[in-house]
Amino acid sequence: MIPEPAPTVRELLAFYLEAGVDCALAEEPVDRLAELDAPPPAPRAAPPVEAPRPVAAPTVMRGEAAPAPDIAIASAREAARTAPTLEALRELMQNFEGCALKHTATRLVFADGNPQARIMFVGEAPGRDEDIEGLPFVGRSGKLLDLMIGAIGLNRTTAYIANVIPWRPPGNRTPTPQETQICLPFIQRQIELVNPDVLVTLGNPSTQTLLSTREGIMRTRGRWFDYETGGRTIRALPTFHPAYLLRSPSYKRLAWQDLRAIAKVLAGA
């Protein structure tokens, strides 16, 4: 048998992209097969002991284990509670080390749009395009969202857009429940500071997380909920995520009904 020629670098990269691999989790490649035959590494000398220094929140360096979830959640709650403005909240999240997603993402995806807007849209998590640009909903689903809100006379200067998770999960995987709970205090505080008249949850994950329901989006979409901030009750409406509408365009008709209901409430408020 004639052995097949070794693939070129271009062919390998094309294979990885087709398989959905679009990010690296380490700075250098690791040959896992070579590790099986390699002798165990010599033990390293213990580093000199330094005096402990106080820290404001649990820190995580790239490659290290994240802090225990309950500690990270408590730290996030305390930190978010102390943020007096959106600018302060953004800086606090930029420095927060309690979520391991921060160390595999390119950058924080905080928000886009007008902080004084009467309507706020919240999705689940950033994707590849959002991770690159640092803004939510800038890929294909973002373009569809722009068309959706444009159909009722809105745009990114009259709306505010964010995600429950501000860092992209590796490979666009679904965030774990622990990651969601760690990030939840930040989006809750973000909603409080924006204080919109209408909150729109895009898709099942953000709807279930923010509105405390276990029902699916097919049952919740188009129904008005009360979202409590502690100082005010905000009207909330779930609808389909634009990414879902790209996969299932037949549901755009129902999404249009939701958008008309939103426009009616904004006009009457």
Protein backbone atom coordinates (compact mmCIF):
# COMPACT_ATOMS: atom_id res chain seq x y z
CA MET A 1 0.00 0.00 0.00
CA ILE A 2 1.18 3.50 -0.83
CA PRO A 3 1.05 5.72 2.28
CA GLU A 4 -1.03 8.86 1.99
CA PRO A 5 0.95 12.11 1.86
CA ALA A 6 1.09 14.09 5.10
CA PRO A 7 -1.43 16.97 5.14
CA THR A 8 -0.15 20.49 4.72
CA VAL A 9 -0.57 23.15 7.39
CA ARG A 10 -3.31 24.79 5.31
CA GLU A 11 -5.16 21.47 5.04
CA LEU A 12 -4.87 20.87 8.78
CA LEU A 13 -6.21 24.35 9.57
CA ALA A 14 -9.12 23.83 7.19
CA PHE A 15 -9.89 20.50 8.90
CA TYR A 16 -9.85 22.09 12.37
CA LEU A 17 -12.15 24.94 11.28
CA GLU A 18 -14.59 22.50 9.72
CA ALA A 19 -14.57 20.49 12.95
CA GLY A 20 -15.41 23.62 14.95
CA VAL A 21 -11.97 24.20 16.49
CA ASP A 22 -11.39 27.95 16.33
CA CYS A 23 -9.43 28.74 19.46
CA ALA A 24 -6.46 27.43 21.45
CA LEU A 25 -6.51 26.91 25.20
CA ALA A 26 -2.74 27.05 25.66
CA GLU A 27 0.06 29.21 24.33
CA GLU A 28 2.06 26.22 22.97
CA PRO A 29 0.86 22.97 21.32
CA VAL A 30 1.01 19.85 23.51
CA ASP A 31 1.90 16.41 22.08
CA ARG A 32 -0.24 14.13 24.25
CA LEU A 33 1.14 10.97 22.64
CA ALA A 34 4.71 11.93 23.49
CA GLU A 35 3.69 12.47 27.10
CA LEU A 36 2.77 8.80 27.45
CA ASP A 37 6.37 7.66 26.78
CA ALA A 38 8.18 10.54 28.43
CA PRO A 39 9.72 10.02 31.88
CA PRO A 40 8.06 11.88 34.72
CA PRO A 41 9.42 15.43 35.12
CA ALA A 42 11.88 16.10 37.90
CA PRO A 43 10.31 17.79 40.91
CA ARG A 44 10.77 21.52 40.98
CA ALA A 45 12.37 23.27 43.88
CA ALA A 46 9.83 24.91 46.15
CA PRO A 47 9.68 28.68 45.57
CA PRO A 48 10.61 30.98 48.44
CA VAL A 49 7.74 31.70 50.80
CA GLU A 50 6.49 35.27 50.63
CA ALA A 51 4.43 37.14 53.11
CA PRO A 52 0.69 36.88 52.28
CA ARG A 53 -0.87 39.90 50.63
CA PRO A 54 -4.54 40.84 50.90
CA VAL A 55 -6.65 40.42 47.77
CA ALA A 56 -10.08 41.78 46.95
CA ALA A 57 -11.30 38.75 44.97
CA PRO A 58 -10.12 35.22 44.14
CA THR A 59 -7.47 35.31 41.41
CA VAL A 60 -7.01 32.79 38.65
CA MET A 61 -3.98 32.64 36.37
CA ARG A 62 -4.19 31.00 32.95
CA GLY A 63 -3.95 27.25 33.35
CA GLU A 64 -4.78 27.22 37.06
CA ALA A 65 -7.98 25.88 38.60
CA ALA A 66 -10.77 28.35 39.24
CA PRO A 67 -11.80 29.07 42.83
CA ALA A 68 -14.61 27.05 44.37
CA PRO A 69 -17.94 28.02 42.79
CA ASP A 70 -19.54 29.14 46.06
CA ILE A 71 -16.59 31.44 46.76
CA ALA A 72 -16.66 32.86 43.23
CA ILE A 73 -20.44 33.43 43.35
CA ALA A 74 -20.22 35.18 46.72
CA SER A 75 -17.34 37.33 45.45
CA ALA A 76 -19.31 38.27 42.32
CA ARG A 77 -22.38 39.22 44.37
CA GLU A 78 -20.39 41.41 46.71
CA ALA A 79 -18.46 43.06 43.89
CA ALA A 80 -21.52 43.73 41.72
CA ARG A 81 -23.43 45.19 44.65
CA THR A 82 -20.75 47.85 45.17
CA ALA A 83 -20.68 49.11 41.55
CA PRO A 84 -22.31 52.58 41.51
CA THR A 85 -22.22 53.09 37.71
CA LEU A 86 -21.99 51.08 34.52
CA GLU A 87 -18.42 52.31 34.02
CA ALA A 88 -17.47 51.08 37.48
CA LEU A 89 -19.21 47.75 36.84
CA ARG A 90 -17.33 47.29 33.59
CA GLU A 91 -13.97 47.97 35.26
CA LEU A 92 -14.87 45.63 38.11
CA MET A 93 -15.76 42.83 35.67
CA GLN A 94 -12.56 43.49 33.71
CA ASN A 95 -10.56 42.82 36.87
CA PHE A 96 -12.71 39.97 38.21
CA GLU A 97 -10.80 36.67 38.35
CA GLY A 98 -13.48 34.35 39.71
CA CYS A 99 -14.73 33.00 36.35
CA ALA A 100 -12.43 30.69 34.40
CA LEU A 101 -14.06 31.74 31.11
CA LYS A 102 -12.14 35.02 31.33
CA HIS A 103 -8.87 33.18 30.77
CA THR A 104 -9.94 31.43 27.56
CA ALA A 105 -11.72 34.42 26.04
CA THR A 106 -10.03 37.18 24.09
CA ARG A 107 -11.75 40.05 25.85
CA LEU A 108 -14.69 41.11 27.98
CA VAL A 109 -17.92 41.63 26.02
CA PHE A 110 -19.72 44.11 28.24
CA ALA A 111 -22.51 45.81 26.26
CA ASP A 112 -23.42 47.92 23.26
CA GLY A 113 -25.97 50.63 22.67
CA ASN A 114 -27.40 53.48 24.71
CA PRO A 115 -27.24 53.14 28.53
CA GLN A 116 -30.18 55.58 28.74
CA ALA A 117 -32.37 53.42 26.47
CA ARG A 118 -35.88 52.43 27.52
CA ILE A 119 -35.39 48.87 26.24
CA MET A 120 -32.66 46.32 27.03
CA PHE A 121 -31.98 43.09 25.14
CA VAL A 122 -30.10 40.26 26.91
CA GLY A 123 -28.74 37.14 25.21
CA GLU A 124 -26.80 34.19 26.59
CA ALA A 125 -23.08 34.53 25.77
CA PRO A 126 -20.72 36.00 23.16
CA GLY A 127 -19.65 34.06 20.09
CA ARG A 128 -16.47 34.16 18.05
CA ASP A 129 -17.18 37.49 16.33
CA GLU A 130 -18.22 39.12 19.59
CA ASP A 131 -15.07 37.83 21.30
CA ILE A 132 -12.93 39.42 18.60
CA GLU A 133 -14.67 42.82 18.56
CA GLY A 134 -15.61 43.04 22.24
CA LEU A 135 -19.25 43.90 21.45
CA PRO A 136 -22.40 41.76 21.75
CA PHE A 137 -24.36 40.61 18.70
CA VAL A 138 -22.02 41.63 15.87
CA GLY A 139 -22.01 38.38 13.87
CA ARG A 140 -24.78 36.93 11.70
CA SER A 141 -27.23 36.83 14.60
CA GLY A 142 -26.32 40.42 15.44
CA LYS A 143 -27.16 41.57 11.94
CA LEU A 144 -30.54 39.85 12.24
CA LEU A 145 -31.12 41.48 15.63
CA ASP A 146 -30.42 44.87 14.06
CA LEU A 147 -33.07 44.14 11.42
CA MET A 148 -35.54 42.95 14.08
CA ILE A 149 -35.26 46.05 16.25
CA GLY A 150 -35.10 48.26 13.18
CA ALA A 151 -38.50 46.93 12.14
CA ILE A 152 -40.05 48.65 15.18
CA GLY A 153 -38.09 51.87 14.82
CA LEU A 154 -35.15 51.05 17.11
CA ASN A 155 -31.40 50.79 16.59
CA ARG A 156 -28.25 50.59 18.69
CA THR A 157 -28.54 54.24 19.64
CA THR A 158 -32.00 53.70 21.13
CA ALA A 159 -31.51 50.24 22.66
CA TYR A 160 -29.07 48.60 25.06
CA ILE A 161 -27.70 45.10 24.39
CA ALA A 162 -25.82 42.71 26.69
CA ASN A 163 -25.40 39.02 27.59
CA VAL A 164 -25.78 36.99 30.77
CA ILE A 165 -22.23 35.67 30.25
CA PRO A 166 -19.71 38.40 29.33
CA TRP A 167 -16.93 36.05 28.18
CA ARG A 168 -17.05 33.64 25.26
CA PRO A 169 -17.08 29.94 26.28
CA PRO A 170 -14.38 27.96 24.41
CA GLY A 171 -15.63 26.72 21.05
CA ASN A 172 -19.01 28.38 21.67
CA ARG A 173 -19.99 25.60 24.04
CA THR A 174 -22.96 26.01 26.36
CA PRO A 175 -22.00 27.77 29.62
CA THR A 176 -22.16 25.52 32.65
CA PRO A 177 -24.70 26.23 35.42
CA GLN A 178 -21.82 27.25 37.69
CA GLU A 179 -20.46 29.73 35.13
CA THR A 180 -23.94 31.18 34.73
CA GLN A 181 -24.42 31.60 38.48
CA ILE A 182 -21.02 33.28 38.83
CA CYS A 183 -21.87 35.82 36.12
CA LEU A 184 -25.50 36.32 37.14
CA PRO A 185 -24.88 39.07 39.74
CA PHE A 186 -23.12 41.18 37.11
CA ILE A 187 -25.97 41.14 34.57
CA GLN A 188 -28.50 41.70 37.35
CA ARG A 189 -26.60 44.80 38.47
CA GLN A 190 -26.27 45.89 34.84
CA ILE A 191 -30.04 45.73 34.42
CA GLU A 192 -30.52 47.71 37.65
CA LEU A 193 -28.15 50.45 36.47
CA VAL A 194 -29.68 50.72 32.98
CA ASN A 195 -33.17 50.58 34.53
CA PRO A 196 -35.09 50.08 31.26
CA ASP A 197 -38.86 50.17 30.85
CA VAL A 198 -38.79 46.88 28.92
CA LEU A 199 -36.41 43.93 29.28
CA VAL A 200 -36.26 41.47 26.35
CA THR A 201 -34.67 38.08 27.02
CA LEU A 202 -33.37 36.47 23.84
CA GLY A 203 -33.61 32.70 23.83
CA ASN A 204 -34.14 29.99 26.40
CA PRO A 205 -30.96 30.32 28.56
CA SER A 206 -31.28 34.04 29.29
CA THR A 207 -35.04 33.70 29.83
CA GLN A 208 -34.70 30.87 32.34
CA THR A 209 -31.78 32.54 34.11
CA LEU A 210 -33.23 36.02 34.48
CA LEU A 211 -36.93 35.21 34.85
CA SER A 212 -36.50 32.17 37.11
CA THR A 213 -38.61 29.84 34.98
CA ARG A 214 -38.00 26.28 33.85
CA GLU A 215 -40.42 26.47 30.94
CA GLY A 216 -39.02 26.39 27.41
CA ILE A 217 -38.96 29.35 25.07
CA MET A 218 -41.91 27.99 23.07
CA ARG A 219 -44.09 28.44 26.16
CA THR A 220 -42.57 31.65 27.50
CA ARG A 221 -42.17 33.70 24.31
CA GLY A 222 -44.77 36.39 23.88
CA ARG A 223 -45.76 36.29 27.58
CA TRP A 224 -45.10 39.28 29.80
CA PHE A 225 -43.22 38.70 33.06
CA ASP A 226 -42.36 40.96 35.98
CA TYR A 227 -38.63 41.40 36.57
CA GLU A 228 -37.88 42.68 40.07
CA THR A 229 -34.74 44.75 40.63
CA GLY A 230 -35.42 45.34 44.31
CA GLY A 231 -36.36 48.95 43.70
CA ARG A 232 -38.59 48.66 40.66
CA THR A 233 -40.64 46.18 38.63
CA ILE A 234 -39.65 46.02 34.96
CA ARG A 235 -41.85 44.43 32.30
CA ALA A 236 -40.00 41.57 30.61
CA LEU A 237 -40.79 39.69 27.41
CA PRO A 238 -38.98 36.57 26.19
CA THR A 239 -38.56 35.98 22.47
CA PHE A 240 -36.47 33.81 20.17
CA HIS A 241 -32.72 34.30 19.93
CA PRO A 242 -31.69 35.57 16.48
CA ALA A 243 -29.35 32.60 16.09
CA TYR A 244 -32.34 30.27 16.49
CA LEU A 245 -34.29 32.23 13.89
CA LEU A 246 -31.40 31.81 11.45
CA ARG A 247 -31.68 28.04 11.90
CA SER A 248 -35.51 28.03 11.96
CA PRO A 249 -36.75 30.95 9.84
CA SER A 250 -40.35 29.73 10.05
CA TYR A 251 -40.50 31.17 13.59
CA LYS A 252 -39.76 34.71 12.43
CA ARG A 253 -43.52 35.27 12.22
CA LEU A 254 -43.86 34.65 15.97
CA ALA A 255 -40.84 36.85 16.69
CA TRP A 256 -42.51 39.63 14.70
CA GLN A 257 -45.59 39.30 16.91
CA ASP A 258 -43.35 39.68 19.97
CA LEU A 259 -41.70 42.77 18.50
CA ARG A 260 -45.08 44.37 17.80
CA ALA A 261 -46.11 43.73 21.42
CA ILE A 262 -42.89 45.40 22.58
CA ALA A 263 -43.48 48.42 20.34
CA LYS A 264 -47.03 48.76 21.67
CA VAL A 265 -45.84 48.80 25.29
CA LEU A 266 -43.09 51.32 24.53
CA ALA A 267 -45.58 53.57 22.73
CA GLY A 268 -48.03 53.44 25.62
CA ALA A 269 -45.51 53.82 28.46
